[in-house]
Amino acid sequence: MSSPLILTLKLDRITFDFFNELRQQHFPPERNFLPAHITLFHALPGEEELSIQQTLQNLSTDTASLPLLFSKPRFLGKGVAIEVKCSELVQLRQQLATTWNMWLSKQDQQRYQPHVTIQNKVTSEEARQLYNQLVSNWASINGYGEGLLLWYYKGGPWELAGEFNFERGAIA
């Protein structure tokens, strides 16, 4: 059986570096084996990799970079995430969900709420402390989604399966 596939949004370098640093500061180090990311799908079937890659290639060719607003912290109970506002991202994800409907896990069938998790799997007290700290001085941050990243899920660190940069409006 093939490894499940995960689809994430590729962030611009400045935004990625900012959130990856936040994640490194606040995520338990023994559990932090992934860089900062915005997940679109958590478990696509590995046996459909070629079809998935073709769909992503076609989509990325006709997609421009996505303007992202990292609006506010969200308390997760045992962690903290930063909410992402981008109607174009939600529409793109819905388009893919419709295409891949027969393959979606229960988790991927839920309402999509884009976010970057910067802390998880800590006590609720630790999470509440970070949440309160972030809320007290949070200013919205703008960034861009520059493409899609497809990953093999291997039980721990992910392995890159494909990169699909948004090309519409790009300067060649």
N, C-alpha and C. Protein backbone atom coordinates (compact mmCIF):
# COMPACT_ATOMS: atom_id res chain seq x y z
N MET A 1 0.84 -1.19 0.00
CA MET A 1 0.00 0.00 0.00
C MET A 1 0.88 1.25 0.00
N SER A 2 0.53 2.22 -0.82
CA SER A 2 1.29 3.46 -0.94
C SER A 2 1.09 4.36 0.27
N SER A 3 2.09 5.20 0.52
CA SER A 3 1.97 6.19 1.59
C SER A 3 0.88 7.20 1.24
N PRO A 4 0.09 7.63 2.23
CA PRO A 4 -0.87 8.70 1.97
C PRO A 4 -0.14 9.97 1.55
N LEU A 5 -0.86 10.83 0.85
CA LEU A 5 -0.30 12.10 0.39
C LEU A 5 -0.94 13.26 1.15
N ILE A 6 -0.14 14.27 1.41
CA ILE A 6 -0.59 15.48 2.10
C ILE A 6 -0.36 16.64 1.14
N LEU A 7 -1.31 17.56 1.07
CA LEU A 7 -1.15 18.73 0.21
C LEU A 7 -1.12 19.98 1.06
N THR A 8 -0.07 20.80 0.87
CA THR A 8 0.06 22.05 1.61
C THR A 8 0.26 23.21 0.65
N LEU A 9 0.08 24.41 1.17
CA LEU A 9 0.32 25.63 0.40
C LEU A 9 1.77 26.05 0.57
N LYS A 10 2.43 26.37 -0.52
CA LYS A 10 3.80 26.88 -0.48
C LYS A 10 3.73 28.38 -0.18
N LEU A 11 4.37 28.81 0.90
CA LEU A 11 4.38 30.22 1.30
C LEU A 11 5.57 30.94 0.69
N ASP A 12 5.43 32.26 0.54
CA ASP A 12 6.58 33.05 0.12
C ASP A 12 7.66 32.95 1.21
N ARG A 13 8.90 33.16 0.84
CA ARG A 13 10.05 32.92 1.73
C ARG A 13 9.96 33.73 3.02
N ILE A 14 9.63 35.02 2.96
CA ILE A 14 9.60 35.86 4.16
C ILE A 14 8.54 35.35 5.13
N THR A 15 7.36 35.07 4.62
CA THR A 15 6.26 34.57 5.46
C THR A 15 6.61 33.20 6.04
N PHE A 16 7.13 32.32 5.20
CA PHE A 16 7.53 30.99 5.67
C PHE A 16 8.55 31.12 6.80
N ASP A 17 9.58 31.92 6.60
CA ASP A 17 10.63 32.06 7.62
C ASP A 17 10.05 32.58 8.94
N PHE A 18 9.14 33.55 8.87
CA PHE A 18 8.54 34.11 10.08
C PHE A 18 7.79 33.04 10.87
N PHE A 19 6.91 32.30 10.18
CA PHE A 19 6.10 31.31 10.88
C PHE A 19 6.90 30.07 11.27
N ASN A 20 7.90 29.74 10.50
CA ASN A 20 8.74 28.60 10.87
C ASN A 20 9.53 28.92 12.15
N GLU A 21 9.99 30.16 12.27
CA GLU A 21 10.69 30.58 13.49
C GLU A 21 9.73 30.53 14.70
N LEU A 22 8.50 31.02 14.53
CA LEU A 22 7.51 30.95 15.61
C LEU A 22 7.27 29.50 16.02
N ARG A 23 7.14 28.63 15.03
CA ARG A 23 6.91 27.21 15.30
C ARG A 23 8.10 26.61 16.05
N GLN A 24 9.31 26.94 15.64
CA GLN A 24 10.50 26.41 16.32
C GLN A 24 10.57 26.90 17.77
N GLN A 25 10.12 28.11 18.01
CA GLN A 25 10.14 28.66 19.37
C GLN A 25 9.12 27.98 20.29
N HIS A 26 7.97 27.59 19.75
CA HIS A 26 6.85 27.20 20.61
C HIS A 26 6.38 25.76 20.48
N PHE A 27 6.79 25.05 19.46
CA PHE A 27 6.37 23.66 19.29
C PHE A 27 7.30 22.77 20.11
N PRO A 28 6.80 21.76 20.80
CA PRO A 28 7.70 20.88 21.56
C PRO A 28 8.77 20.29 20.62
N PRO A 29 10.05 20.50 20.92
CA PRO A 29 11.12 20.08 20.00
C PRO A 29 11.10 18.60 19.65
N GLU A 30 10.70 17.76 20.59
CA GLU A 30 10.69 16.31 20.32
C GLU A 30 9.57 15.91 19.35
N ARG A 31 8.66 16.83 19.08
CA ARG A 31 7.55 16.54 18.15
C ARG A 31 7.58 17.44 16.92
N ASN A 32 8.54 18.33 16.86
CA ASN A 32 8.58 19.30 15.76
C ASN A 32 9.51 18.83 14.66
N PHE A 33 9.02 17.91 13.83
CA PHE A 33 9.84 17.44 12.72
C PHE A 33 9.31 17.91 11.37
N LEU A 34 8.42 18.92 11.40
CA LEU A 34 7.88 19.50 10.17
C LEU A 34 8.09 21.01 10.19
N PRO A 35 8.31 21.61 9.03
CA PRO A 35 8.36 23.07 8.97
C PRO A 35 6.94 23.65 9.04
N ALA A 36 6.83 24.95 9.22
CA ALA A 36 5.53 25.62 9.23
C ALA A 36 4.82 25.35 7.90
N HIS A 37 3.50 25.16 7.96
CA HIS A 37 2.76 24.83 6.75
C HIS A 37 1.27 25.14 6.93
N ILE A 38 0.58 25.27 5.79
CA ILE A 38 -0.87 25.39 5.74
C ILE A 38 -1.36 24.17 4.99
N THR A 39 -2.03 23.27 5.67
CA THR A 39 -2.50 22.03 5.05
C THR A 39 -3.82 22.27 4.32
N LEU A 40 -3.90 21.74 3.10
CA LEU A 40 -5.16 21.74 2.34
C LEU A 40 -5.85 20.39 2.47
N PHE A 41 -5.07 19.30 2.37
CA PHE A 41 -5.60 17.95 2.51
C PHE A 41 -4.62 17.12 3.34
N HIS A 42 -5.17 16.33 4.27
CA HIS A 42 -4.36 15.56 5.21
C HIS A 42 -4.06 14.14 4.76
N ALA A 43 -4.89 13.56 3.88
CA ALA A 43 -4.72 12.13 3.55
C ALA A 43 -5.34 11.81 2.20
N LEU A 44 -4.59 12.11 1.14
CA LEU A 44 -5.02 11.71 -0.20
C LEU A 44 -4.41 10.35 -0.50
N PRO A 45 -5.06 9.53 -1.33
CA PRO A 45 -4.56 8.17 -1.56
C PRO A 45 -3.28 8.15 -2.41
N GLY A 46 -2.25 7.53 -1.87
CA GLY A 46 -0.98 7.42 -2.58
C GLY A 46 -1.09 6.69 -3.90
N GLU A 47 -2.04 5.75 -3.99
CA GLU A 47 -2.17 5.01 -5.25
C GLU A 47 -2.70 5.89 -6.38
N GLU A 48 -3.20 7.08 -6.04
CA GLU A 48 -3.71 8.02 -7.06
C GLU A 48 -2.72 9.15 -7.33
N GLU A 49 -1.46 8.94 -6.96
CA GLU A 49 -0.46 10.01 -7.06
C GLU A 49 -0.36 10.62 -8.46
N LEU A 50 -0.31 9.81 -9.50
CA LEU A 50 -0.16 10.36 -10.85
C LEU A 50 -1.33 11.24 -11.23
N SER A 51 -2.54 10.80 -10.94
CA SER A 51 -3.73 11.60 -11.22
C SER A 51 -3.73 12.90 -10.42
N ILE A 52 -3.36 12.81 -9.15
CA ILE A 52 -3.30 13.98 -8.27
C ILE A 52 -2.26 14.97 -8.81
N GLN A 53 -1.09 14.47 -9.18
CA GLN A 53 -0.04 15.35 -9.70
C GLN A 53 -0.49 16.03 -10.99
N GLN A 54 -1.18 15.32 -11.85
CA GLN A 54 -1.65 15.92 -13.11
C GLN A 54 -2.67 17.03 -12.83
N THR A 55 -3.58 16.77 -11.91
CA THR A 55 -4.56 17.79 -11.52
C THR A 55 -3.87 19.03 -10.97
N LEU A 56 -2.87 18.83 -10.11
CA LEU A 56 -2.16 19.96 -9.51
C LEU A 56 -1.36 20.73 -10.55
N GLN A 57 -0.75 20.02 -11.49
CA GLN A 57 0.01 20.68 -12.56
C GLN A 57 -0.92 21.56 -13.40
N ASN A 58 -2.07 21.02 -13.79
CA ASN A 58 -3.03 21.79 -14.58
C ASN A 58 -3.54 23.01 -13.82
N LEU A 59 -3.85 22.82 -12.56
CA LEU A 59 -4.38 23.90 -11.73
C LEU A 59 -3.34 25.00 -11.52
N SER A 60 -2.12 24.63 -11.21
CA SER A 60 -1.08 25.61 -10.89
C SER A 60 -0.72 26.48 -12.08
N THR A 61 -0.81 25.93 -13.28
CA THR A 61 -0.51 26.69 -14.49
C THR A 61 -1.45 27.87 -14.65
N ASP A 62 -2.68 27.72 -14.18
CA ASP A 62 -3.70 28.75 -14.37
C ASP A 62 -4.04 29.49 -13.08
N THR A 63 -3.16 29.43 -12.09
CA THR A 63 -3.41 30.08 -10.80
C THR A 63 -2.32 31.10 -10.52
N ALA A 64 -2.74 32.29 -10.08
CA ALA A 64 -1.79 33.34 -9.68
C ALA A 64 -1.50 33.19 -8.18
N SER A 65 -0.43 33.85 -7.72
CA SER A 65 -0.12 33.79 -6.29
C SER A 65 -1.32 34.31 -5.49
N LEU A 66 -1.50 33.76 -4.31
CA LEU A 66 -2.67 34.04 -3.48
C LEU A 66 -2.31 35.01 -2.36
N PRO A 67 -3.04 36.12 -2.23
CA PRO A 67 -2.79 37.05 -1.13
C PRO A 67 -3.36 36.48 0.18
N LEU A 68 -2.51 36.35 1.18
CA LEU A 68 -2.90 35.75 2.46
C LEU A 68 -2.88 36.80 3.56
N LEU A 69 -3.85 36.75 4.45
CA LEU A 69 -3.87 37.59 5.64
C LEU A 69 -3.85 36.66 6.84
N PHE A 70 -2.79 36.76 7.63
CA PHE A 70 -2.66 35.97 8.86
C PHE A 70 -3.29 36.84 9.95
N SER A 71 -4.58 36.60 10.20
CA SER A 71 -5.41 37.57 10.90
C SER A 71 -5.30 37.58 12.42
N LYS A 72 -5.29 36.39 13.03
CA LYS A 72 -5.29 36.37 14.50
C LYS A 72 -4.97 34.98 15.00
N PRO A 73 -4.50 34.90 16.25
CA PRO A 73 -4.26 33.59 16.87
C PRO A 73 -5.59 32.88 17.15
N ARG A 74 -5.53 31.54 17.12
CA ARG A 74 -6.68 30.70 17.46
C ARG A 74 -6.23 29.69 18.51
N PHE A 75 -6.96 29.63 19.61
CA PHE A 75 -6.67 28.67 20.68
C PHE A 75 -7.19 27.30 20.26
N LEU A 76 -6.33 26.29 20.33
CA LEU A 76 -6.68 24.94 19.88
C LEU A 76 -6.92 23.97 21.04
N GLY A 77 -6.87 24.45 22.26
CA GLY A 77 -7.02 23.56 23.41
C GLY A 77 -5.68 23.12 23.94
N LYS A 78 -4.91 22.43 23.11
CA LYS A 78 -3.56 22.00 23.50
C LYS A 78 -2.52 22.57 22.53
N GLY A 79 -2.85 23.71 21.95
CA GLY A 79 -1.94 24.37 21.02
C GLY A 79 -2.52 25.69 20.54
N VAL A 80 -1.76 26.33 19.64
CA VAL A 80 -2.16 27.62 19.09
C VAL A 80 -1.86 27.63 17.60
N ALA A 81 -2.78 28.20 16.85
CA ALA A 81 -2.58 28.38 15.41
C ALA A 81 -2.83 29.84 15.07
N ILE A 82 -2.41 30.23 13.88
CA ILE A 82 -2.71 31.55 13.36
C ILE A 82 -3.68 31.37 12.20
N GLU A 83 -4.82 32.04 12.27
CA GLU A 83 -5.84 31.93 11.23
C GLU A 83 -5.39 32.62 9.95
N VAL A 84 -5.75 32.02 8.83
CA VAL A 84 -5.40 32.55 7.51
C VAL A 84 -6.69 32.91 6.78
N LYS A 85 -6.76 34.14 6.31
CA LYS A 85 -7.91 34.60 5.53
C LYS A 85 -7.48 34.74 4.07
N CYS A 86 -8.18 34.04 3.18
CA CYS A 86 -7.92 34.13 1.75
C CYS A 86 -9.05 33.42 1.01
N SER A 87 -9.98 34.19 0.46
CA SER A 87 -11.12 33.58 -0.22
C SER A 87 -10.67 32.76 -1.43
N GLU A 88 -9.60 33.21 -2.11
CA GLU A 88 -9.10 32.46 -3.27
C GLU A 88 -8.56 31.09 -2.86
N LEU A 89 -7.93 31.01 -1.70
CA LEU A 89 -7.43 29.72 -1.20
C LEU A 89 -8.60 28.79 -0.88
N VAL A 90 -9.62 29.32 -0.24
CA VAL A 90 -10.79 28.50 0.10
C VAL A 90 -11.46 28.00 -1.18
N GLN A 91 -11.56 28.86 -2.19
CA GLN A 91 -12.16 28.45 -3.47
C GLN A 91 -11.31 27.38 -4.17
N LEU A 92 -10.00 27.57 -4.18
CA LEU A 92 -9.10 26.59 -4.79
C LEU A 92 -9.23 25.24 -4.09
N ARG A 93 -9.27 25.27 -2.78
CA ARG A 93 -9.39 24.03 -2.01
C ARG A 93 -10.73 23.35 -2.28
N GLN A 94 -11.80 24.16 -2.39
CA GLN A 94 -13.12 23.60 -2.69
C GLN A 94 -13.14 22.95 -4.07
N GLN A 95 -12.48 23.58 -5.03
CA GLN A 95 -12.40 23.02 -6.38
C GLN A 95 -11.72 21.65 -6.34
N LEU A 96 -10.62 21.55 -5.60
CA LEU A 96 -9.92 20.27 -5.48
C LEU A 96 -10.76 19.25 -4.71
N ALA A 97 -11.44 19.70 -3.66
CA ALA A 97 -12.28 18.78 -2.87
C ALA A 97 -13.40 18.20 -3.73
N THR A 98 -13.94 19.00 -4.62
CA THR A 98 -14.98 18.51 -5.53
C THR A 98 -14.40 17.47 -6.48
N THR A 99 -13.23 17.76 -7.02
CA THR A 99 -12.57 16.83 -7.94
C THR A 99 -12.23 15.51 -7.26
N TRP A 100 -11.77 15.59 -6.02
CA TRP A 100 -11.28 14.41 -5.30
C TRP A 100 -12.28 13.89 -4.27
N ASN A 101 -13.53 14.26 -4.37
CA ASN A 101 -14.53 13.96 -3.36
C ASN A 101 -14.54 12.49 -2.93
N MET A 102 -14.42 11.57 -3.88
CA MET A 102 -14.51 10.14 -3.57
C MET A 102 -13.32 9.64 -2.75
N TRP A 103 -12.25 10.44 -2.66
CA TRP A 103 -11.05 10.02 -1.95
C TRP A 103 -10.90 10.66 -0.57
N LEU A 104 -11.75 11.62 -0.23
CA LEU A 104 -11.51 12.43 0.96
C LEU A 104 -11.79 11.67 2.26
N SER A 105 -10.86 11.83 3.21
CA SER A 105 -11.04 11.29 4.56
C SER A 105 -12.10 12.13 5.28
N LYS A 106 -12.58 11.63 6.41
CA LYS A 106 -13.54 12.40 7.21
C LYS A 106 -12.96 13.76 7.58
N GLN A 107 -11.69 13.79 7.95
CA GLN A 107 -11.03 15.04 8.32
C GLN A 107 -11.03 16.02 7.14
N ASP A 108 -10.75 15.51 5.94
CA ASP A 108 -10.70 16.37 4.76
C ASP A 108 -12.08 16.75 4.23
N GLN A 109 -13.13 16.11 4.73
CA GLN A 109 -14.49 16.46 4.34
C GLN A 109 -15.05 17.59 5.21
N GLN A 110 -14.37 17.89 6.30
CA GLN A 110 -14.85 18.94 7.21
C GLN A 110 -14.69 20.32 6.56
N ARG A 111 -15.38 21.31 7.14
CA ARG A 111 -15.26 22.70 6.66
C ARG A 111 -13.81 23.14 6.76
N TYR A 112 -13.32 23.74 5.69
CA TYR A 112 -11.91 24.13 5.63
C TYR A 112 -11.69 25.45 6.35
N GLN A 113 -10.77 25.45 7.30
CA GLN A 113 -10.39 26.64 8.05
C GLN A 113 -8.87 26.76 8.01
N PRO A 114 -8.33 27.46 7.00
CA PRO A 114 -6.87 27.50 6.85
C PRO A 114 -6.18 28.16 8.05
N HIS A 115 -5.05 27.58 8.43
CA HIS A 115 -4.29 28.08 9.57
C HIS A 115 -2.87 27.53 9.53
N VAL A 116 -2.00 28.17 10.30
CA VAL A 116 -0.64 27.67 10.53
C VAL A 116 -0.56 27.30 12.00
N THR A 117 -0.30 26.05 12.31
CA THR A 117 -0.14 25.63 13.71
C THR A 117 1.27 25.97 14.16
N ILE A 118 1.37 26.75 15.23
CA ILE A 118 2.70 27.10 15.73
C ILE A 118 3.01 26.42 17.07
N GLN A 119 1.98 25.80 17.66
CA GLN A 119 2.19 25.04 18.88
C GLN A 119 1.10 23.97 18.95
N ASN A 120 1.49 22.76 19.36
CA ASN A 120 0.51 21.68 19.50
C ASN A 120 1.05 20.64 20.46
N LYS A 121 0.13 19.84 21.01
CA LYS A 121 0.50 18.73 21.90
C LYS A 121 1.25 19.20 23.15
N VAL A 122 0.77 20.34 23.70
CA VAL A 122 1.27 20.82 24.98
C VAL A 122 0.10 20.81 25.96
N THR A 123 0.33 21.17 27.21
CA THR A 123 -0.78 21.26 28.16
C THR A 123 -1.68 22.44 27.79
N SER A 124 -2.92 22.37 28.21
CA SER A 124 -3.83 23.48 27.92
C SER A 124 -3.35 24.77 28.58
N GLU A 125 -2.67 24.65 29.71
CA GLU A 125 -2.14 25.84 30.39
C GLU A 125 -1.04 26.50 29.56
N GLU A 126 -0.13 25.68 29.01
CA GLU A 126 0.93 26.23 28.15
C GLU A 126 0.33 26.89 26.91
N ALA A 127 -0.65 26.23 26.33
CA ALA A 127 -1.28 26.76 25.12
C ALA A 127 -2.00 28.07 25.43
N ARG A 128 -2.72 28.12 26.54
CA ARG A 128 -3.45 29.34 26.92
C ARG A 128 -2.46 30.49 27.16
N GLN A 129 -1.33 30.19 27.77
CA GLN A 129 -0.33 31.22 28.04
C GLN A 129 0.20 31.81 26.72
N LEU A 130 0.55 30.96 25.76
CA LEU A 130 1.03 31.45 24.47
C LEU A 130 -0.07 32.21 23.74
N TYR A 131 -1.27 31.67 23.75
CA TYR A 131 -2.39 32.33 23.08
C TYR A 131 -2.58 33.75 23.64
N ASN A 132 -2.63 33.88 24.95
CA ASN A 132 -2.81 35.20 25.57
C ASN A 132 -1.67 36.14 25.22
N GLN A 133 -0.46 35.61 25.20
CA GLN A 133 0.72 36.42 24.84
C GLN A 133 0.60 36.92 23.40
N LEU A 134 0.23 36.05 22.49
CA LEU A 134 0.12 36.44 21.08
C LEU A 134 -1.04 37.40 20.84
N VAL A 135 -2.18 37.14 21.47
CA VAL A 135 -3.35 38.00 21.28
C VAL A 135 -3.06 39.42 21.75
N SER A 136 -2.31 39.55 22.83
CA SER A 136 -2.07 40.88 23.42
C SER A 136 -1.28 41.80 22.50
N ASN A 137 -0.48 41.24 21.59
CA ASN A 137 0.29 42.14 20.72
C ASN A 137 0.29 41.70 19.26
N TRP A 138 -0.72 40.96 18.84
CA TRP A 138 -0.75 40.47 17.46
C TRP A 138 -1.16 41.59 16.50
N ALA A 139 -0.44 41.72 15.43
CA ALA A 139 -0.82 42.60 14.31
C ALA A 139 -0.91 41.71 13.08
N SER A 140 -1.96 41.87 12.31
CA SER A 140 -2.14 41.05 11.12
C SER A 140 -0.91 41.12 10.22
N ILE A 141 -0.64 40.01 9.56
CA ILE A 141 0.52 39.89 8.68
C ILE A 141 0.03 39.49 7.30
N ASN A 142 0.58 40.12 6.28
CA ASN A 142 0.26 39.76 4.90
C ASN A 142 1.36 38.88 4.33
N GLY A 143 0.97 37.95 3.50
CA GLY A 143 1.93 37.08 2.81
C GLY A 143 1.31 36.57 1.53
N TYR A 144 1.98 35.61 0.92
CA TYR A 144 1.50 35.05 -0.34
C TYR A 144 1.65 33.54 -0.37
N GLY A 145 0.68 32.90 -1.00
CA GLY A 145 0.79 31.50 -1.35
C GLY A 145 1.34 31.44 -2.77
N GLU A 146 2.46 30.76 -2.95
CA GLU A 146 3.14 30.76 -4.25
C GLU A 146 2.99 29.46 -5.02
N GLY A 147 2.36 28.47 -4.42
CA GLY A 147 2.20 27.19 -5.10
C GLY A 147 1.67 26.15 -4.14
N LEU A 148 1.71 24.90 -4.59
CA LEU A 148 1.25 23.77 -3.79
C LEU A 148 2.38 22.77 -3.64
N LEU A 149 2.46 22.15 -2.47
CA LEU A 149 3.47 21.13 -2.19
C LEU A 149 2.76 19.83 -1.85
N LEU A 150 3.14 18.78 -2.53
CA LEU A 150 2.58 17.45 -2.30
C LEU A 150 3.62 16.63 -1.56
N TRP A 151 3.20 15.98 -0.47
CA TRP A 151 4.11 15.26 0.41
C TRP A 151 3.68 13.81 0.58
N TYR A 152 4.67 12.93 0.76
CA TYR A 152 4.40 11.56 1.22
C TYR A 152 4.39 11.59 2.73
N TYR A 153 3.34 11.02 3.33
CA TYR A 153 3.30 10.88 4.78
C TYR A 153 3.97 9.56 5.15
N LYS A 154 5.04 9.65 5.94
CA LYS A 154 5.82 8.46 6.31
C LYS A 154 5.73 8.16 7.80
N GLY A 155 4.76 8.76 8.49
CA GLY A 155 4.61 8.49 9.92
C GLY A 155 5.32 9.48 10.80
N GLY A 156 6.28 10.19 10.29
CA GLY A 156 7.03 11.21 11.02
C GLY A 156 7.27 12.36 10.07
N PRO A 157 8.54 12.66 9.78
CA PRO A 157 8.81 13.71 8.79
C PRO A 157 8.19 13.35 7.44
N TRP A 158 7.78 14.38 6.72
CA TRP A 158 7.20 14.17 5.39
C TRP A 158 8.31 14.19 4.35
N GLU A 159 8.04 13.57 3.21
CA GLU A 159 8.99 13.57 2.09
C GLU A 159 8.31 14.24 0.89
N LEU A 160 8.98 15.22 0.30
CA LEU A 160 8.39 15.97 -0.81
C LEU A 160 8.16 15.06 -2.01
N ALA A 161 6.93 15.08 -2.54
CA ALA A 161 6.57 14.28 -3.72
C ALA A 161 6.44 15.15 -4.96
N GLY A 162 6.18 16.44 -4.78
CA GLY A 162 6.03 17.32 -5.93
C GLY A 162 5.80 18.76 -5.51
N GLU A 163 6.28 19.69 -6.35
CA GLU A 163 6.10 21.12 -6.12
C GLU A 163 5.44 21.71 -7.36
N PHE A 164 4.38 22.49 -7.14
CA PHE A 164 3.57 23.03 -8.23
C PHE A 164 3.42 24.53 -8.02
N ASN A 165 4.31 25.30 -8.63
CA ASN A 165 4.31 26.75 -8.46
C ASN A 165 3.19 27.38 -9.28
N PHE A 166 2.54 28.38 -8.69
CA PHE A 166 1.50 29.10 -9.41
C PHE A 166 2.16 29.92 -10.51
N GLU A 167 1.65 29.80 -11.73
CA GLU A 167 2.31 30.39 -12.89
C GLU A 167 1.56 31.54 -13.54
N ARG A 168 0.26 31.67 -13.32
CA ARG A 168 -0.49 32.73 -14.00
C ARG A 168 0.00 34.10 -13.55
N GLY A 169 0.35 34.92 -14.50
CA GLY A 169 0.84 36.26 -14.19
C GLY A 169 2.30 36.30 -13.79
N ALA A 170 2.97 35.14 -13.77
CA ALA A 170 4.39 35.11 -13.40
C ALA A 170 5.22 35.65 -14.56
N ILE A 171 6.31 36.31 -14.22
CA ILE A 171 7.23 36.83 -15.24
C ILE A 171 8.21 35.73 -15.59
N ALA A 172 8.26 35.39 -16.87
CA ALA A 172 9.12 34.28 -17.32
C ALA A 172 10.57 34.70 -17.40
